[in-house]
C-alpha cells in the first residue's frame, strides 16, 4: 500500500478548476484530476479521443443524450467530435479521483502500424462505459499510471520514458480493444439515464442539418413552448440551444472534411449559410482554420 501511494504521488496532476479542453502535447496527454471538475460543466467536444478511468470515488458524465454514473474501477470512452459534459451530483464527487487520457487518431494509427484498428473501441455501439473483471482492470490501470508518471529520467536516459510510454500505450489499447468487444463488460441500460428531450433535438438536427433550423422548429418537435424549451434544454445540457446547434453543424463539417470533401462542400453539407460564419465558428471551436484542420487527414485529400 505504501509503495502504491509513493508511485501515485508522482503522477502528473491537473487541477479540477483547470478549464482546458484542448491538447498541448502533439500526440497524447495523461494526468490525474481530483474532486468535482469545473471546466467541463457545459457541453463540449474535441478532435481527439478521451478516456476517463475512475481511481477513487464516483464520477458522472453526460454523453450526447445519456448520463453515465461511474464508480471506482470504471472506464468511460469518448469518441472524437462527440458532445459531452461533466454531470454534477451533489456531495458525490468531492472525493473523486480519475485518470484522464487524451490521444489523437494519428498516434493510435502510428502505434498500430496497420496491424489492428486501435480506435475501434471508441465506436462500438450500445454504451461508452465499461466494467472489467478485476484482473483486467488492474492491468489497464497499471499502464495508465505508468503513462501519467512525471518524467524522472535524465541525461542519456531522458528519451527512455518516451519509448516506454509508446509501449504502454500500445499495450493499453491492444488489451482495451479486445476487452471492449465483450458485451458483458458494457454498462447495462439500468446503469445509464437517457434524456429524451436531448435525443429528440439531436436527432432532428441530424436529419435536417442542411436546412435552416429555428428555435421554433425545435420547440415544436418536443411539444413545448419556446421559452420553456429554452430553459429546460439549458438546464439539462449546460449550453444554449443555439450553441448546441452550431456545435452539431461544426461536427458534421469536420466529418465531411475527414471524408475528403473540400471546404465549400463541407460547410454547405453542415448547413452553414456562408463561409464567413463557418470560418468564425470553426476557428473559435478548434483554434485552427479548416484548411489547417485538413492537414491532419492527408490521406483523405
Protein backbone atom coordinates (compact mmCIF):
# COMPACT_ATOMS: atom_id res chain seq x y z
CA UNK A 1 0.00 0.00 0.00
CA UNK A 2 2.83 2.40 0.89
CA UNK A 3 4.66 1.57 -2.35
CA UNK A 4 1.48 2.21 -4.41
CA UNK A 5 0.95 5.53 -2.63
CA UNK A 6 4.54 6.58 -3.42
CA UNK A 7 4.10 5.74 -7.10
CA UNK A 8 0.82 7.60 -7.39
CA UNK A 9 2.33 10.67 -5.71
CA UNK A 10 4.49 11.08 -8.83
CA UNK A 11 1.50 11.15 -11.21
CA UNK A 12 1.04 14.35 -13.22
CA UNK A 13 -1.96 16.20 -11.87
CA UNK A 14 -4.35 18.74 -13.35
CA UNK A 15 -6.42 20.91 -11.04
CA UNK A 16 -10.19 20.31 -11.08
CA UNK A 17 -10.61 24.02 -11.77
CA UNK A 18 -8.50 23.81 -14.95
CA UNK A 19 -10.88 24.50 -17.84
CA UNK A 20 -8.55 23.38 -20.64
CA UNK A 21 -10.26 21.11 -23.17
CA UNK A 22 -7.50 21.09 -25.78
CA UNK A 23 -4.19 19.28 -26.05
CA UNK A 24 -0.83 20.95 -25.52
CA UNK A 25 1.22 17.91 -26.50
CA UNK A 26 1.06 16.77 -30.09
CA UNK A 27 0.01 13.12 -29.68
CA UNK A 28 -1.28 12.30 -26.18
CA UNK A 29 -1.62 13.58 -22.62
CA UNK A 30 -2.25 11.69 -19.37
CA UNK A 31 -2.89 13.18 -15.95
CA UNK A 32 -4.92 12.82 -12.77
CA UNK A 33 -7.80 15.06 -11.67
CA UNK A 34 -9.28 15.17 -8.19
CA UNK A 35 -12.63 16.48 -6.97
CA UNK A 36 -15.61 17.78 -8.93
CA UNK A 37 -14.40 19.42 -12.19
CA UNK A 38 -15.40 22.95 -13.13
CA UNK A 39 -14.19 23.38 -16.69
CA UNK A 40 -16.19 20.53 -18.23
CA UNK A 41 -19.59 21.55 -16.87
CA UNK A 42 -21.01 22.54 -20.28
CA UNK A 43 -21.27 20.50 -23.48
CA UNK A 44 -18.02 20.44 -25.42
CA UNK A 45 -16.22 18.20 -27.93
CA UNK A 46 -12.74 17.80 -29.37
CA UNK A 47 -10.95 16.25 -32.31
CA UNK A 48 -9.11 13.65 -30.23
CA UNK A 49 -10.16 10.65 -28.14
CA UNK A 50 -10.68 10.76 -24.38
CA UNK A 51 -10.63 8.02 -21.73
CA UNK A 52 -11.63 8.55 -18.11
CA UNK A 53 -10.70 5.92 -15.53
CA UNK A 54 -12.09 6.28 -12.00
CA UNK A 55 -9.36 5.70 -9.41
CA UNK A 56 -11.45 6.54 -6.35
CA UNK A 57 -14.99 7.66 -5.58
CA UNK A 58 -17.66 8.37 -8.20
CA UNK A 59 -17.91 10.36 -11.42
CA UNK A 60 -20.79 11.13 -13.81
CA UNK A 61 -20.80 12.28 -17.42
CA UNK A 62 -23.48 13.15 -19.97
CA UNK A 63 -22.53 11.79 -23.40
CA UNK A 64 -24.92 13.19 -26.02
CA UNK A 65 -28.28 12.12 -24.50
CA UNK A 66 -27.14 9.61 -21.85
CA UNK A 67 -25.79 10.11 -18.35
CA UNK A 68 -23.29 7.52 -17.11
CA UNK A 69 -22.70 7.16 -13.36
CA UNK A 70 -19.25 5.66 -12.85
CA UNK A 71 -17.68 4.13 -9.75
CA UNK A 72 -14.17 3.09 -8.79
CA UNK A 73 -12.62 0.93 -11.49
CA UNK A 74 -14.95 2.00 -14.34
CA UNK A 75 -13.79 3.22 -17.75
CA UNK A 76 -15.51 5.84 -19.93
CA UNK A 77 -14.52 6.08 -23.62
CA UNK A 78 -15.39 9.25 -25.58
CA UNK A 79 -15.11 9.35 -29.37
CA UNK A 80 -13.89 12.32 -31.42
CA UNK A 81 -16.43 15.11 -32.02
CA UNK A 82 -18.98 13.70 -29.58
CA UNK A 83 -20.87 16.18 -27.40
CA UNK A 84 -20.26 15.52 -23.70
CA UNK A 85 -20.12 17.23 -20.33
CA UNK A 86 -19.48 16.56 -16.67
CA UNK A 87 -22.72 15.82 -14.79
CA UNK A 88 -22.56 17.14 -11.25
CA UNK A 89 -24.14 15.10 -8.45
CA UNK A 90 -24.17 16.95 -5.14
CA UNK A 91 -21.89 15.52 -2.42
CA UNK A 92 -20.97 12.55 -4.63
CA UNK A 93 -17.85 13.77 -6.41
CA UNK A 94 -15.82 15.74 -3.87
CA UNK A 95 -13.56 12.72 -3.25
CA UNK A 96 -13.44 11.65 -6.90
CA UNK A 97 -10.03 10.80 -8.38
CA UNK A 98 -9.64 9.82 -12.00
CA UNK A 99 -7.00 9.46 -14.70
CA UNK A 100 -7.68 11.28 -17.96
CA UNK A 101 -6.07 10.14 -21.22
CA UNK A 102 -6.27 12.25 -24.37
CA UNK A 103 -4.89 10.72 -27.57
CA UNK A 104 -5.06 11.57 -31.26
CA UNK A 105 -6.18 9.30 -34.08
CA UNK A 106 -2.78 9.81 -35.69
CA UNK A 107 -0.99 8.46 -32.62
CA UNK A 108 -3.16 5.33 -32.49
CA UNK A 109 -2.73 4.73 -36.23
CA UNK A 110 1.03 5.07 -35.89
CA UNK A 111 1.14 2.68 -32.93
CA UNK A 112 -0.95 0.03 -34.69
CA UNK A 113 1.28 0.02 -37.78
CA UNK A 114 -1.64 -1.33 -39.80
CA UNK A 115 -1.93 -4.49 -37.70
CA UNK A 116 -5.02 -3.54 -35.64
CA UNK A 117 -7.58 -0.73 -35.50
CA UNK A 118 -6.81 0.74 -32.09
CA UNK A 119 -9.61 3.32 -32.47
CA UNK A 120 -12.36 0.68 -32.75
CA UNK A 121 -13.07 0.69 -29.01
CA UNK A 122 -14.44 4.23 -29.30
CA UNK A 123 -17.01 3.45 -31.98
CA UNK A 124 -18.67 0.31 -30.62
CA UNK A 125 -22.45 0.63 -30.26
CA UNK A 126 -24.58 0.46 -27.12
CA UNK A 127 -22.51 2.19 -24.46
CA UNK A 128 -19.39 4.25 -23.77
CA UNK A 129 -18.76 2.85 -20.29
CA UNK A 130 -17.30 -0.45 -19.12
CA UNK A 131 -16.78 -2.59 -16.00
CA UNK A 132 -13.91 -5.02 -16.49
CA UNK A 133 -13.03 -8.00 -14.26
CA UNK A 134 -10.57 -7.00 -11.55
CA UNK A 135 -7.57 -8.70 -13.20
CA UNK A 136 -8.02 -6.77 -16.47
CA UNK A 137 -8.93 -3.55 -14.70
CA UNK A 138 -5.75 -3.59 -12.62
CA UNK A 139 -3.65 -4.38 -15.68
CA UNK A 140 -5.10 -1.43 -17.64
CA UNK A 141 -4.83 0.78 -14.57
CA UNK A 142 -1.14 -0.10 -14.30
CA UNK A 143 -0.44 1.08 -17.84
CA UNK A 144 -2.33 4.34 -17.24
CA UNK A 145 -0.49 5.06 -14.01
CA UNK A 146 2.88 4.48 -15.70
CA UNK A 147 1.86 6.81 -18.55
CA UNK A 148 0.78 9.51 -16.09
CA UNK A 149 4.00 9.45 -14.06
CA UNK A 150 6.21 12.52 -14.27
CA UNK A 151 9.49 12.17 -16.12
CA UNK A 152 12.19 11.00 -13.72
CA UNK A 153 14.95 10.02 -16.16
CA UNK A 154 17.69 12.47 -17.06
CA UNK A 155 20.83 12.67 -19.16
CA UNK A 156 21.44 9.76 -21.51
CA UNK A 157 18.18 8.11 -20.33
CA UNK A 158 15.99 11.16 -20.98
CA UNK A 159 14.39 9.60 -24.08
CA UNK A 160 13.71 6.27 -22.41
CA UNK A 161 10.38 7.31 -20.89
CA UNK A 162 9.05 8.37 -24.30
CA UNK A 163 9.88 4.94 -25.73
CA UNK A 164 8.35 3.17 -22.73
CA UNK A 165 5.22 5.33 -22.92
CA UNK A 166 4.62 4.30 -26.51
CA UNK A 167 4.90 0.69 -25.40
CA UNK A 168 2.42 1.26 -22.56
CA UNK A 169 0.02 2.97 -24.96
CA UNK A 170 0.20 0.08 -27.40
CA UNK A 171 -0.36 -2.49 -24.65
CA UNK A 172 -3.19 -0.46 -23.11
CA UNK A 173 -5.11 0.00 -26.36
CA UNK A 174 -4.39 -3.51 -27.58
CA UNK A 175 -5.96 -5.04 -24.49
CA UNK A 176 -8.70 -2.39 -24.29
CA UNK A 177 -9.92 -3.07 -27.83
CA UNK A 178 -10.04 -6.79 -27.15
CA UNK A 179 -11.99 -6.31 -23.91
CA UNK A 180 -14.42 -3.79 -25.42
CA UNK A 181 -15.51 -6.49 -27.86
CA UNK A 182 -17.07 -8.41 -24.95
CA UNK A 183 -20.66 -7.20 -24.46
CA UNK A 184 -20.81 -8.50 -20.89
CA UNK A 185 -18.42 -5.73 -19.85
CA UNK A 186 -20.66 -2.92 -21.14
CA UNK A 187 -22.76 -0.81 -18.81
CA UNK A 188 -26.35 -2.03 -18.81
CA UNK A 189 -29.38 0.11 -19.60
CA UNK A 190 -30.14 0.24 -15.88
CA UNK A 191 -26.78 1.94 -15.28
CA UNK A 192 -27.50 4.74 -17.76
CA UNK A 193 -30.01 7.58 -17.67
CA UNK A 194 -31.42 8.62 -21.06
CA UNK A 195 -32.66 12.16 -21.73
CA UNK A 196 -35.39 12.00 -24.42
CA UNK A 197 -35.51 15.79 -24.88
CA UNK A 198 -31.84 15.99 -25.84
CA UNK A 199 -32.15 12.90 -28.03
CA UNK A 200 -35.16 14.31 -29.91
CA UNK A 201 -33.43 17.63 -30.54
CA UNK A 202 -30.18 15.98 -31.59
CA UNK A 203 -31.95 13.58 -33.98
CA UNK A 204 -33.98 16.37 -35.57
CA UNK A 205 -30.86 18.45 -36.15
CA UNK A 206 -29.06 15.46 -37.70
CA UNK A 207 -31.98 14.83 -40.07
CA UNK A 208 -32.31 18.49 -41.13
CA UNK A 209 -28.69 19.61 -40.84
CA UNK A 210 -28.55 21.15 -44.33
CA UNK A 211 -31.66 23.25 -43.68
CA UNK A 212 -32.37 26.43 -41.76
CA UNK A 213 -33.38 25.31 -38.26
CA UNK A 214 -35.11 27.69 -35.86
CA UNK A 215 -35.79 27.57 -32.13
CA UNK A 216 -39.48 27.36 -33.01
CA UNK A 217 -38.84 24.25 -35.16
CA UNK A 218 -37.12 22.50 -32.28
CA UNK A 219 -39.66 23.55 -29.65
CA UNK A 220 -42.45 22.17 -31.86
CA UNK A 221 -40.64 18.84 -32.12
CA UNK A 222 -40.66 18.38 -28.34
CA UNK A 223 -44.13 19.90 -27.90
CA UNK A 224 -43.05 22.74 -25.63
CA UNK A 225 -43.44 26.47 -25.65
CA UNK A 226 -40.36 28.27 -26.93
CA UNK A 227 -39.32 29.71 -23.57
CA UNK A 228 -39.97 26.56 -21.56
CA UNK A 229 -37.95 24.60 -24.13
CA UNK A 230 -35.02 27.04 -23.99
CA UNK A 231 -34.93 26.91 -20.20
CA UNK A 232 -35.26 23.13 -19.95
CA UNK A 233 -32.61 22.46 -22.61
CA UNK A 234 -30.08 24.76 -20.91
CA UNK A 235 -30.82 23.09 -17.58
CA UNK A 236 -30.10 19.61 -18.99
CA UNK A 237 -27.08 20.37 -21.17
CA UNK A 238 -25.44 23.47 -19.73
CA UNK A 239 -25.45 25.15 -23.16
CA UNK A 240 -27.96 27.19 -25.14
CA UNK A 241 -29.92 25.64 -27.99
CA UNK A 242 -28.14 27.98 -30.42
CA UNK A 243 -24.69 26.82 -29.23
CA UNK A 244 -25.75 23.18 -29.42
CA UNK A 245 -26.98 23.63 -33.00
CA UNK A 246 -23.79 25.41 -34.05
CA UNK A 247 -21.66 22.68 -32.48
CA UNK A 248 -23.65 19.97 -34.27
CA UNK A 249 -23.05 21.77 -37.58
CA UNK A 250 -19.33 22.01 -36.85
CA UNK A 251 -19.14 18.32 -36.02
CA UNK A 252 -20.83 17.47 -39.33
CA UNK A 253 -18.45 19.78 -41.19
CA UNK A 254 -15.48 18.02 -39.58
CA UNK A 255 -16.85 14.65 -40.63
CA UNK A 256 -17.18 15.92 -44.21
CA UNK A 257 -13.62 17.27 -44.20
CA UNK A 258 -12.25 13.98 -42.86
CA UNK A 259 -14.18 12.14 -45.60
CA UNK A 260 -12.28 14.15 -48.22
CA UNK A 261 -14.84 16.85 -49.08
CA UNK A 262 -13.50 20.29 -49.91
CA UNK A 263 -14.21 23.20 -47.56
CA UNK A 264 -17.13 24.60 -49.55
CA UNK A 265 -18.86 21.21 -49.75
CA UNK A 266 -18.24 20.62 -46.05
CA UNK A 267 -19.77 23.83 -44.72
CA UNK A 268 -22.74 23.58 -47.09
CA UNK A 269 -23.40 19.97 -46.05
CA UNK A 270 -23.37 21.16 -42.44
CA UNK A 271 -25.97 23.85 -43.08
CA UNK A 272 -23.87 26.99 -42.62
CA UNK A 273 -25.33 29.90 -44.55
CA UNK A 274 -21.95 31.27 -45.69
CA UNK A 275 -18.22 30.70 -45.41
CA UNK A 276 -17.52 33.65 -43.09
CA UNK A 277 -19.93 32.30 -40.47
CA UNK A 278 -18.46 28.82 -40.80
CA UNK A 279 -14.86 30.08 -40.55
CA UNK A 280 -15.56 32.23 -37.49
CA UNK A 281 -17.24 29.39 -35.59
CA UNK A 282 -14.73 26.76 -36.72
CA UNK A 283 -11.69 28.75 -35.54
CA UNK A 284 -13.41 29.54 -32.23
CA UNK A 285 -14.07 25.83 -31.62
CA UNK A 286 -10.85 24.24 -32.90
CA UNK A 287 -8.31 27.04 -32.75
CA UNK A 288 -7.22 26.45 -36.38
CA UNK A 289 -8.63 27.18 -39.82
CA UNK A 290 -10.50 24.45 -41.78
CA UNK A 291 -7.53 24.26 -44.15
CA UNK A 292 -5.12 23.63 -41.29
CA UNK A 293 -7.51 21.05 -39.84
CA UNK A 294 -7.49 19.15 -43.15
CA UNK A 295 -3.73 18.74 -42.86
CA UNK A 296 -4.34 16.26 -40.05
CA UNK A 297 -6.03 13.93 -42.60
CA UNK A 298 -3.67 13.99 -45.63
CA UNK A 299 -4.74 10.55 -46.85
CA UNK A 300 -8.29 11.82 -47.41
CA UNK A 301 -7.40 14.81 -49.55
